[in-house]
C-alpha atoms as a PDB file:
ATOM      1  CA  MET A   1       0.098   0.195   0.143  1.00  0.00           C
ATOM      2  CA  GLY A   2       2.824   2.726   0.799  1.00  0.00           C
ATOM      3  CA  GLN A   3       4.463   1.390  -2.681  1.00  0.00           C
ATOM      4  CA  SER A   4       1.306   2.452  -4.121  1.00  0.00           C
ATOM      5  CA  ARG A   5       0.883   5.909  -2.557  1.00  0.00           C
ATOM      6  CA  ALA A   6       4.644   6.533  -3.304  1.00  0.00           C
ATOM      7  CA  THR A   7       3.985   5.625  -6.871  1.00  0.00           C
ATOM      8  CA  LEU A   8       0.797   7.845  -7.019  1.00  0.00           C
ATOM      9  CA  GLN A   9       3.062  10.955  -5.397  1.00  0.00           C
ATOM     10  CA  ALA A  10       5.362  10.582  -8.226  1.00  0.00           C
ATOM     11  CA  LEU A  11       3.265  10.708 -10.851  1.00  0.00           C
ATOM     12  CA  CYS A  12       1.337  13.491  -9.582  1.00  0.00           C
ATOM     13  CA  GLY A  13       4.667  15.201  -8.978  1.00  0.00           C
ATOM     14  CA  LEU A  14       5.146  15.374 -13.141  1.00  0.00           C
ATOM     15  CA  PRO A  15       5.044  18.478 -15.154  1.00  0.00           C
ATOM     16  CA  ALA A  16       1.677  19.431 -16.866  1.00  0.00           C
ATOM     17  CA  GLY A  17       1.541  18.352 -20.322  1.00  0.00           C
ATOM     18  CA  SER A  18       3.368  14.903 -19.475  1.00  0.00           C
ATOM     19  CA  THR A  19       2.279  11.899 -20.412  1.00  0.00           C
ATOM     20  CA  VAL A  20       1.838   8.690 -18.257  1.00  0.00           C
ATOM     21  CA  GLY A  21       1.323   5.093 -19.474  1.00  0.00           C
ATOM     22  CA  ILE A  22       0.021   2.647 -17.561  1.00  0.00           C
ATOM     23  CA  VAL A  23       0.631  -1.131 -18.517  1.00  0.00           C
ATOM     24  CA  GLY A  24      -2.570  -3.324 -17.347  1.00  0.00           C
ATOM     25  CA  ALA A  25      -6.029  -2.873 -17.227  1.00  0.00           C
ATOM     26  CA  GLY A  26      -7.250  -5.115 -14.472  1.00  0.00           C
ATOM     27  CA  LEU A  27      -8.323  -3.443 -11.217  1.00  0.00           C
ATOM     28  CA  SER A  28      -5.148  -2.260 -10.124  1.00  0.00           C
ATOM     29  CA  GLY A  29      -4.361  -0.216 -13.688  1.00  0.00           C
ATOM     30  CA  ILE A  30      -8.244   1.134 -13.708  1.00  0.00           C
ATOM     31  CA  GLU A  31      -8.381   2.557 -10.149  1.00  0.00           C
ATOM     32  CA  LEU A  32      -4.706   3.879 -10.612  1.00  0.00           C
ATOM     33  CA  ALA A  33      -5.578   5.546 -13.821  1.00  0.00           C
ATOM     34  CA  SER A  34      -9.274   7.282 -12.705  1.00  0.00           C
ATOM     35  CA  GLU A  35      -7.490   8.194  -9.256  1.00  0.00           C
ATOM     36  CA  LEU A  36      -4.623   9.688 -11.201  1.00  0.00           C
ATOM     37  CA  ARG A  37      -7.369  11.690 -13.789  1.00  0.00           C
ATOM     38  CA  GLU A  38      -9.071  13.214 -10.851  1.00  0.00           C
ATOM     39  CA  SER A  39      -5.739  14.173  -9.381  1.00  0.00           C
ATOM     40  CA  ARG A  40      -4.143  15.631 -12.234  1.00  0.00           C
ATOM     41  CA  SER A  41      -6.384  16.798 -15.380  1.00  0.00           C
ATOM     42  CA  ASP A  42      -3.513  18.139 -17.014  1.00  0.00           C
ATOM     43  CA  LEU A  43      -1.571  15.000 -17.674  1.00  0.00           C
ATOM     44  CA  LYS A  44      -2.340  12.655 -20.794  1.00  0.00           C
ATOM     45  CA  ILE A  45      -3.200   9.133 -19.750  1.00  0.00           C
ATOM     46  CA  LYS A  46      -2.723   5.897 -21.633  1.00  0.00           C
ATOM     47  CA  LEU A  47      -4.005   2.742 -20.425  1.00  0.00           C
ATOM     48  CA  PHE A  48      -2.794  -0.353 -22.229  1.00  0.00           C
ATOM     49  CA  ASP A  49      -5.435  -3.524 -22.041  1.00  0.00           C
ATOM     50  CA  ARG A  50      -4.125  -6.646 -23.622  1.00  0.00           C
ATOM     51  CA  GLY A  51      -7.841  -7.879 -23.806  1.00  0.00           C
ATOM     52  CA  PRO A  52     -10.076  -6.738 -26.643  1.00  0.00           C
ATOM     53  CA  ARG A  53     -12.181  -4.576 -24.057  1.00  0.00           C
ATOM     54  CA  ILE A  54     -11.798  -3.900 -20.731  1.00  0.00           C
ATOM     55  CA  LEU A  55     -12.669  -6.391 -18.107  1.00  0.00           C
ATOM     56  CA  LYS A  56     -13.092  -8.819 -20.704  1.00  0.00           C
ATOM     57  CA  ASP A  57     -13.727 -12.076 -18.679  1.00  0.00           C
ATOM     58  CA  PHE A  58     -16.849  -9.999 -17.321  1.00  0.00           C
ATOM     59  CA  PRO A  59     -20.610  -8.823 -18.235  1.00  0.00           C
ATOM     60  CA  GLU A  60     -20.116  -6.303 -21.417  1.00  0.00           C
ATOM     61  CA  LYS A  61     -22.298  -3.702 -19.076  1.00  0.00           C
ATOM     62  CA  LEU A  62     -19.594  -3.408 -16.568  1.00  0.00           C
ATOM     63  CA  SER A  63     -17.063  -3.124 -19.492  1.00  0.00           C
ATOM     64  CA  LYS A  64     -18.946  -0.678 -21.443  1.00  0.00           C
ATOM     65  CA  TYR A  65     -19.408   1.639 -18.230  1.00  0.00           C
ATOM     66  CA  VAL A  66     -15.659   1.435 -17.206  1.00  0.00           C
ATOM     67  CA  LYS A  67     -14.841   2.501 -20.733  1.00  0.00           C
ATOM     68  CA  ASP A  68     -17.488   5.295 -21.052  1.00  0.00           C
ATOM     69  CA  TRP A  69     -15.832   6.673 -17.793  1.00  0.00           C
ATOM     70  CA  PHE A  70     -12.253   6.536 -19.305  1.00  0.00           C
ATOM     71  CA  VAL A  71     -14.339   8.111 -22.525  1.00  0.00           C
ATOM     72  CA  LYS A  72     -15.525  10.946 -20.647  1.00  0.00           C
ATOM     73  CA  HIS A  73     -12.333  11.964 -18.382  1.00  0.00           C
ATOM     74  CA  ASN A  74      -9.959  11.861 -21.434  1.00  0.00           C
ATOM     75  CA  VAL A  75      -8.239   8.592 -20.467  1.00  0.00           C
ATOM     76  CA  ASP A  76      -6.822   6.746 -23.799  1.00  0.00           C
ATOM     77  CA  VAL A  77      -7.592   3.055 -23.327  1.00  0.00           C
ATOM     78  CA  ILE A  78      -5.483   0.999 -26.105  1.00  0.00           C
ATOM     79  CA  ALA A  79      -6.900  -2.473 -26.412  1.00  0.00           C
ATOM     80  CA  ASN A  80      -5.543  -5.427 -27.746  1.00  0.00           C
ATOM     81  CA  SER A  81      -1.950  -4.585 -26.559  1.00  0.00           C
ATOM     82  CA  ASN A  82       1.211  -6.408 -26.237  1.00  0.00           C
ATOM     83  CA  ILE A  83       3.729  -4.531 -24.653  1.00  0.00           C
ATOM     84  CA  THR A  84       7.063  -6.300 -26.039  1.00  0.00           C
ATOM     85  CA  LYS A  85      10.014  -3.851 -24.405  1.00  0.00           C
ATOM     86  CA  VAL A  86      10.155  -1.120 -22.039  1.00  0.00           C
ATOM     87  CA  GLU A  87      12.971   1.416 -22.212  1.00  0.00           C
ATOM     88  CA  GLN A  88      13.760   4.901 -20.923  1.00  0.00           C
ATOM     89  CA  GLY A  89      11.261   7.563 -21.746  1.00  0.00           C
ATOM     90  CA  LYS A  90       9.579   4.950 -23.908  1.00  0.00           C
ATOM     91  CA  ILE A  91       7.512   1.462 -24.457  1.00  0.00           C
ATOM     92  CA  PHE A  92       6.987  -0.592 -27.490  1.00  0.00           C
ATOM     93  CA  ASN A  93       3.263  -1.749 -28.265  1.00  0.00           C
ATOM     94  CA  HIS A  94       3.892  -4.555 -31.085  1.00  0.00           C
ATOM     95  CA  GLU A  95       7.065  -2.802 -31.885  1.00  0.00           C
ATOM     96  CA  GLU A  96       5.427   0.714 -31.776  1.00  0.00           C
ATOM     97  CA  GLU A  97       7.662   3.196 -30.246  1.00  0.00           C
ATOM     98  CA  ILE A  98       5.264   5.063 -27.681  1.00  0.00           C
ATOM     99  CA  LEU A  99       7.174   8.097 -26.054  1.00  0.00           C
ATOM    100  CA  LEU A 100       6.344   8.347 -22.353  1.00  0.00           C
ATOM    101  CA  ASP A 101       7.537  10.679 -19.668  1.00  0.00           C
ATOM    102  CA  LYS A 102       6.282   7.516 -16.856  1.00  0.00           C
ATOM    103  CA  VAL A 103       5.580   4.151 -17.157  1.00  0.00           C
ATOM    104  CA  VAL A 104       3.564   2.191 -14.284  1.00  0.00           C
ATOM    105  CA  TRP A 105       3.424  -1.562 -14.539  1.00  0.00           C
ATOM    106  CA  THR A 106       0.352  -3.264 -13.028  1.00  0.00           C
ATOM    107  CA  ALA A 107       0.092  -6.199 -15.845  1.00  0.00           C
ATOM    108  CA  GLY A 108       1.336  -8.564 -13.517  1.00  0.00           C
ATOM    109  CA  VAL A 109       3.241  -9.916 -10.448  1.00  0.00           C
ATOM    110  CA  GLN A 110       5.897 -11.997  -9.578  1.00  0.00           C
ATOM    111  CA  PRO A 111       6.594 -13.988  -6.502  1.00  0.00           C
ATOM    112  CA  VAL A 112       8.504 -12.739  -3.289  1.00  0.00           C
ATOM    113  CA  LYS A 113      12.054 -13.524  -3.469  1.00  0.00           C
ATOM    114  CA  ILE A 114      11.862 -16.571  -1.204  1.00  0.00           C
ATOM    115  CA  VAL A 115       9.437 -18.483  -3.697  1.00  0.00           C
ATOM    116  CA  ARG A 116      11.393 -17.488  -6.383  1.00  0.00           C
ATOM    117  CA  ASP A 117      14.594 -18.888  -4.725  1.00  0.00           C
ATOM    118  CA  MET A 118      12.721 -22.176  -3.913  1.00  0.00           C
ATOM    119  CA  ASP A 119      14.457 -25.375  -5.635  1.00  0.00           C
ATOM    120  CA  VAL A 120      10.958 -26.670  -7.341  1.00  0.00           C
ATOM    121  CA  GLU A 121       9.811 -27.010 -10.606  1.00  0.00           C
ATOM    122  CA  LYS A 122       8.305 -23.556 -11.604  1.00  0.00           C
ATOM    123  CA  ASP A 123       6.197 -22.050 -14.618  1.00  0.00           C
ATOM    124  CA  LYS A 124       7.556 -19.392 -17.533  1.00  0.00           C
ATOM    125  CA  HIS A 125       6.329 -16.584 -14.720  1.00  0.00           C
ATOM    126  CA  GLY A 126       8.896 -18.239 -12.144  1.00  0.00           C
ATOM    127  CA  ARG A 127       5.981 -19.434 -10.055  1.00  0.00           C
ATOM    128  CA  PRO A 128       5.881 -22.906  -8.531  1.00  0.00           C
ATOM    129  CA  LEU A 129       3.758 -25.681 -10.024  1.00  0.00           C
ATOM    130  CA  VAL A 130       1.171 -27.095  -7.342  1.00  0.00           C
ATOM    131  CA  THR A 131      -1.150 -29.937  -7.079  1.00  0.00           C
ATOM    132  CA  GLN A 132      -5.003 -29.352  -6.572  1.00  0.00           C
ATOM    133  CA  TYR A 133      -4.208 -29.683  -3.014  1.00  0.00           C
ATOM    134  CA  PHE A 134      -2.216 -26.450  -3.167  1.00  0.00           C
ATOM    135  CA  ASN A 135       1.055 -28.429  -2.109  1.00  0.00           C
ATOM    136  CA  VAL A 136       4.397 -28.595  -4.496  1.00  0.00           C
ATOM    137  CA  LEU A 137       4.957 -31.293  -6.834  1.00  0.00           C
ATOM    138  CA  ASP A 138       7.707 -33.038  -4.618  1.00  0.00           C
ATOM    139  CA  ASP A 139       6.716 -32.093  -1.454  1.00  0.00           C
ATOM    140  CA  GLU A 140       3.553 -32.540   0.427  1.00  0.00           C
ATOM    141  CA  HIS A 141       4.910 -30.575   3.240  1.00  0.00           C
ATOM    142  CA  VAL A 142       4.926 -27.475   1.592  1.00  0.00           C
ATOM    143  CA  TYR A 143       1.996 -25.308   0.483  1.00  0.00           C
ATOM    144  CA  ILE A 144       1.706 -22.287  -1.837  1.00  0.00           C
ATOM    145  CA  VAL A 145      -1.256 -19.976  -2.694  1.00  0.00           C
ATOM    146  CA  GLY A 146      -2.296 -16.944  -4.064  1.00  0.00           C
ATOM    147  CA  ASP A 147       0.027 -14.924  -6.789  1.00  0.00           C
ATOM    148  CA  CYS A 148       2.916 -17.019  -5.510  1.00  0.00           C
ATOM    149  CA  ALA A 149       1.849 -20.589  -6.773  1.00  0.00           C
ATOM    150  CA  SER A 150       1.354 -21.352 -10.467  1.00  0.00           C
ATOM    151  CA  SER A 151      -2.405 -20.926 -11.210  1.00  0.00           C
ATOM    152  CA  ASP A 152      -5.028 -19.385 -13.869  1.00  0.00           C
ATOM    153  CA  LEU A 153      -7.349 -18.090 -10.759  1.00  0.00           C
ATOM    154  CA  PRO A 154      -7.037 -14.460 -10.710  1.00  0.00           C
ATOM    155  CA  PRO A 155      -4.449 -13.228  -8.289  1.00  0.00           C
ATOM    156  CA  THR A 156      -6.485 -12.244  -5.586  1.00  0.00           C
ATOM    157  CA  ALA A 157      -6.992 -11.988  -1.732  1.00  0.00           C
ATOM    158  CA  GLN A 158     -10.480 -13.373  -1.773  1.00  0.00           C
ATOM    159  CA  LEU A 159      -9.138 -16.662  -3.722  1.00  0.00           C
ATOM    160  CA  ALA A 160      -5.528 -16.663  -1.580  1.00  0.00           C
ATOM    161  CA  GLU A 161      -8.289 -17.140   1.242  1.00  0.00           C
ATOM    162  CA  GLU A 162     -10.383 -19.556  -0.232  1.00  0.00           C
ATOM    163  CA  GLN A 163      -7.600 -21.851  -1.020  1.00  0.00           C
ATOM    164  CA  ALA A 164      -5.590 -21.390   2.168  1.00  0.00           C
ATOM    165  CA  GLU A 165      -9.118 -22.879   4.174  1.00  0.00           C
ATOM    166  CA  LEU A 166      -8.892 -25.872   1.827  1.00  0.00           C
ATOM    167  CA  ILE A 167      -5.220 -26.084   2.749  1.00  0.00           C
ATOM    168  CA  VAL A 168      -6.534 -26.441   6.426  1.00  0.00           C
ATOM    169  CA  LYS A 169      -8.699 -29.501   5.549  1.00  0.00           C
ATOM    170  CA  VAL A 170      -6.341 -30.908   3.535  1.00  0.00           C
ATOM    171  CA  LEU A 171      -4.060 -30.585   6.641  1.00  0.00           C
ATOM    172  CA  ARG A 172      -6.408 -32.195   8.970  1.00  0.00           C
ATOM    173  CA  MET A 173      -7.493 -35.101   6.458  1.00  0.00           C
ATOM    174  CA  ARG A 174      -3.445 -35.650   6.530  1.00  0.00           C
ATOM    175  CA  TRP A 175      -2.918 -35.345  10.269  1.00  0.00           C
ATOM    176  CA  LYS A 176      -6.083 -37.834  10.502  1.00  0.00           C
ATOM    177  CA  GLY A 177      -4.629 -40.581   7.769  1.00  0.00           C
ATOM    178  CA  GLU A 178      -7.758 -39.745   5.916  1.00  0.00           C
ATOM    179  CA  GLN A 179      -7.623 -40.430   2.230  1.00  0.00           C
ATOM    180  CA  LEU A 180      -7.744 -37.063   0.339  1.00  0.00           C
ATOM    181  CA  PRO A 181     -10.425 -36.131  -2.181  1.00  0.00           C
ATOM    182  CA  GLU A 182      -9.846 -37.097  -5.688  1.00  0.00           C
ATOM    183  CA  LYS A 183     -10.772 -33.850  -6.719  1.00  0.00           C
ATOM    184  CA  MET A 184     -10.786 -30.837  -4.610  1.00  0.00           C
ATOM    185  CA  PRO A 185     -13.928 -28.307  -4.810  1.00  0.00           C
ATOM    186  CA  GLU A 186     -13.812 -26.033  -7.492  1.00  0.00           C
ATOM    187  CA  ILE A 187     -13.008 -22.246  -6.708  1.00  0.00           C
ATOM    188  CA  LYS A 188     -14.573 -19.719  -8.160  1.00  0.00           C
ATOM    189  CA  LEU A 189     -14.137 -15.560  -7.656  1.00  0.00           C
ATOM    190  CA  LYS A 190     -17.640 -14.542  -6.157  1.00  0.00           C
ATOM    191  CA  GLY A 191     -16.919 -10.956  -7.564  1.00  0.00           C
ATOM    192  CA  PHE A 192     -15.060  -8.120  -6.600  1.00  0.00           C
ATOM    193  CA  MET A 193     -15.207  -4.303  -6.550  1.00  0.00           C
ATOM    194  CA  GLY A 194     -13.555  -1.354  -8.172  1.00  0.00           C
ATOM    195  CA  ALA A 195     -13.417   2.586  -7.938  1.00  0.00           C
ATOM    196  CA  LEU A 196     -13.252   5.243 -10.720  1.00  0.00           C
ATOM    197  CA  GLY A 197     -12.157   8.249  -8.409  1.00  0.00           C
ATOM    198  CA  LYS A 198     -13.860   9.109  -5.269  1.00  0.00           C
ATOM    199  CA  LYS A 199     -17.424   9.158  -6.487  1.00  0.00           C
ATOM    200  CA  GLN A 200     -17.959   6.299  -8.850  1.00  0.00           C
ATOM    201  CA  GLY A 201     -17.438   2.602  -9.138  1.00  0.00           C
ATOM    202  CA  PHE A 202     -18.217  -0.785 -10.018  1.00  0.00           C
ATOM    203  CA  VAL A 203     -18.990  -3.906  -8.262  1.00  0.00           C
ATOM    204  CA  TYR A 204     -19.793  -7.486  -9.566  1.00  0.00           C
ATOM    205  CA  LEU A 205     -21.236  -9.993  -6.929  1.00  0.00           C
ATOM    206  CA  ALA A 206     -23.315 -13.361  -7.653  1.00  0.00           C
ATOM    207  CA  ASP A 207     -23.428 -12.351 -11.099  1.00  0.00           C
ATOM    208  CA  THR A 208     -25.247  -8.778 -10.698  1.00  0.00           C
ATOM    209  CA  THR A 209     -23.566  -5.834 -11.923  1.00  0.00           C
ATOM    210  CA  VAL A 210     -24.061  -2.595  -9.829  1.00  0.00           C
ATOM    211  CA  THR A 211     -21.952   0.862 -10.913  1.00  0.00           C
ATOM    212  CA  GLY A 212     -22.272   4.170 -10.117  1.00  0.00           C
ATOM    213  CA  ARG A 213     -22.384   6.257  -6.714  1.00  0.00           C
ATOM    214  CA  ILE A 214     -23.826   3.267  -4.897  1.00  0.00           C
ATOM    215  CA  ALA A 215     -21.410   0.890  -6.118  1.00  0.00           C
ATOM    216  CA  ARG A 216     -18.213   3.376  -4.360  1.00  0.00           C
ATOM    217  CA  LEU A 217     -20.441   3.363  -1.388  1.00  0.00           C
ATOM    218  CA  MET A 218     -19.870  -0.550  -1.258  1.00  0.00           C
ATOM    219  CA  LYS A 219     -16.285  -0.314  -1.942  1.00  0.00           C
ATOM    220  CA  SER A 220     -15.510   2.059   0.514  1.00  0.00           C
ATOM    221  CA  GLY A 221     -17.440   0.124   3.084  1.00  0.00           C
ATOM    222  CA  LEU A 222     -15.283  -3.113   2.073  1.00  0.00           C
ATOM    223  CA  LEU A 223     -12.271  -0.858   2.619  1.00  0.00           C
ATOM    224  CA  TRP A 224     -13.455  -0.045   6.015  1.00  0.00           C
ATOM    225  CA  TYR A 225     -14.149  -3.119   6.751  1.00  0.00           C
ATOM    226  CA  TYR A 226     -10.588  -4.754   6.092  1.00  0.00           C
ATOM    227  CA  LYS A 227      -9.099  -1.986   7.847  1.00  0.00           C
ATOM    228  CA  ARG A 228     -10.759  -2.705  10.768  1.00  0.00           C
ATOM    229  CA  GLN A 229     -10.025  -6.089  10.217  1.00  0.00           C
ATOM    230  CA  ASN A 230      -6.223  -5.558  10.344  1.00  0.00           C
ATOM    231  CA  ASP A 231      -6.308  -2.879  13.224  1.00  0.00           C
END
């Protein structure tokens, strides 16, 4: 969180007319672009999205709402992007050179150093391969979850918490000498919330889409809840 604030402060300190490129149009990229726009109306903002539309795996109504907000607030969303190289003051999208004053990368994460240094089989992103029980392939005593483990699931705290709960069940069964299930329960994203600046937001929950002021209040309430949990 502190690193995110430092990044936003650095961006807000740019001279007027500067161009900022945000690579990755997931929740982090969307919220950063919207917050930066509200803080600095004099900056040019380019948001690079690898998909054909923002939040492509969710209802088009949700994607359209977010895209329309960016159009209204003069944020340039570049769909079907593929950033092949990043250099000082520039990036290359499908080999096309784009000049930028500052680049923020929100397109993906890598495991923490202790996980990167583990001598286990990993995927192309350096994340350890795990079984359906979340232990590494060669050791049933080592478990990895969340964005540190190789997975097709979104790297969210919500899913990591569900994985942790399943690991507790696996450990209890192993301690009791019970046979593990042939197939573990499927983990699904229950929903998510996003903010578009201070007044607007979007929520996808139980196959229902909520947008606007109410969604922003729901997002604020969730942040307050997590803050109280960690106090």
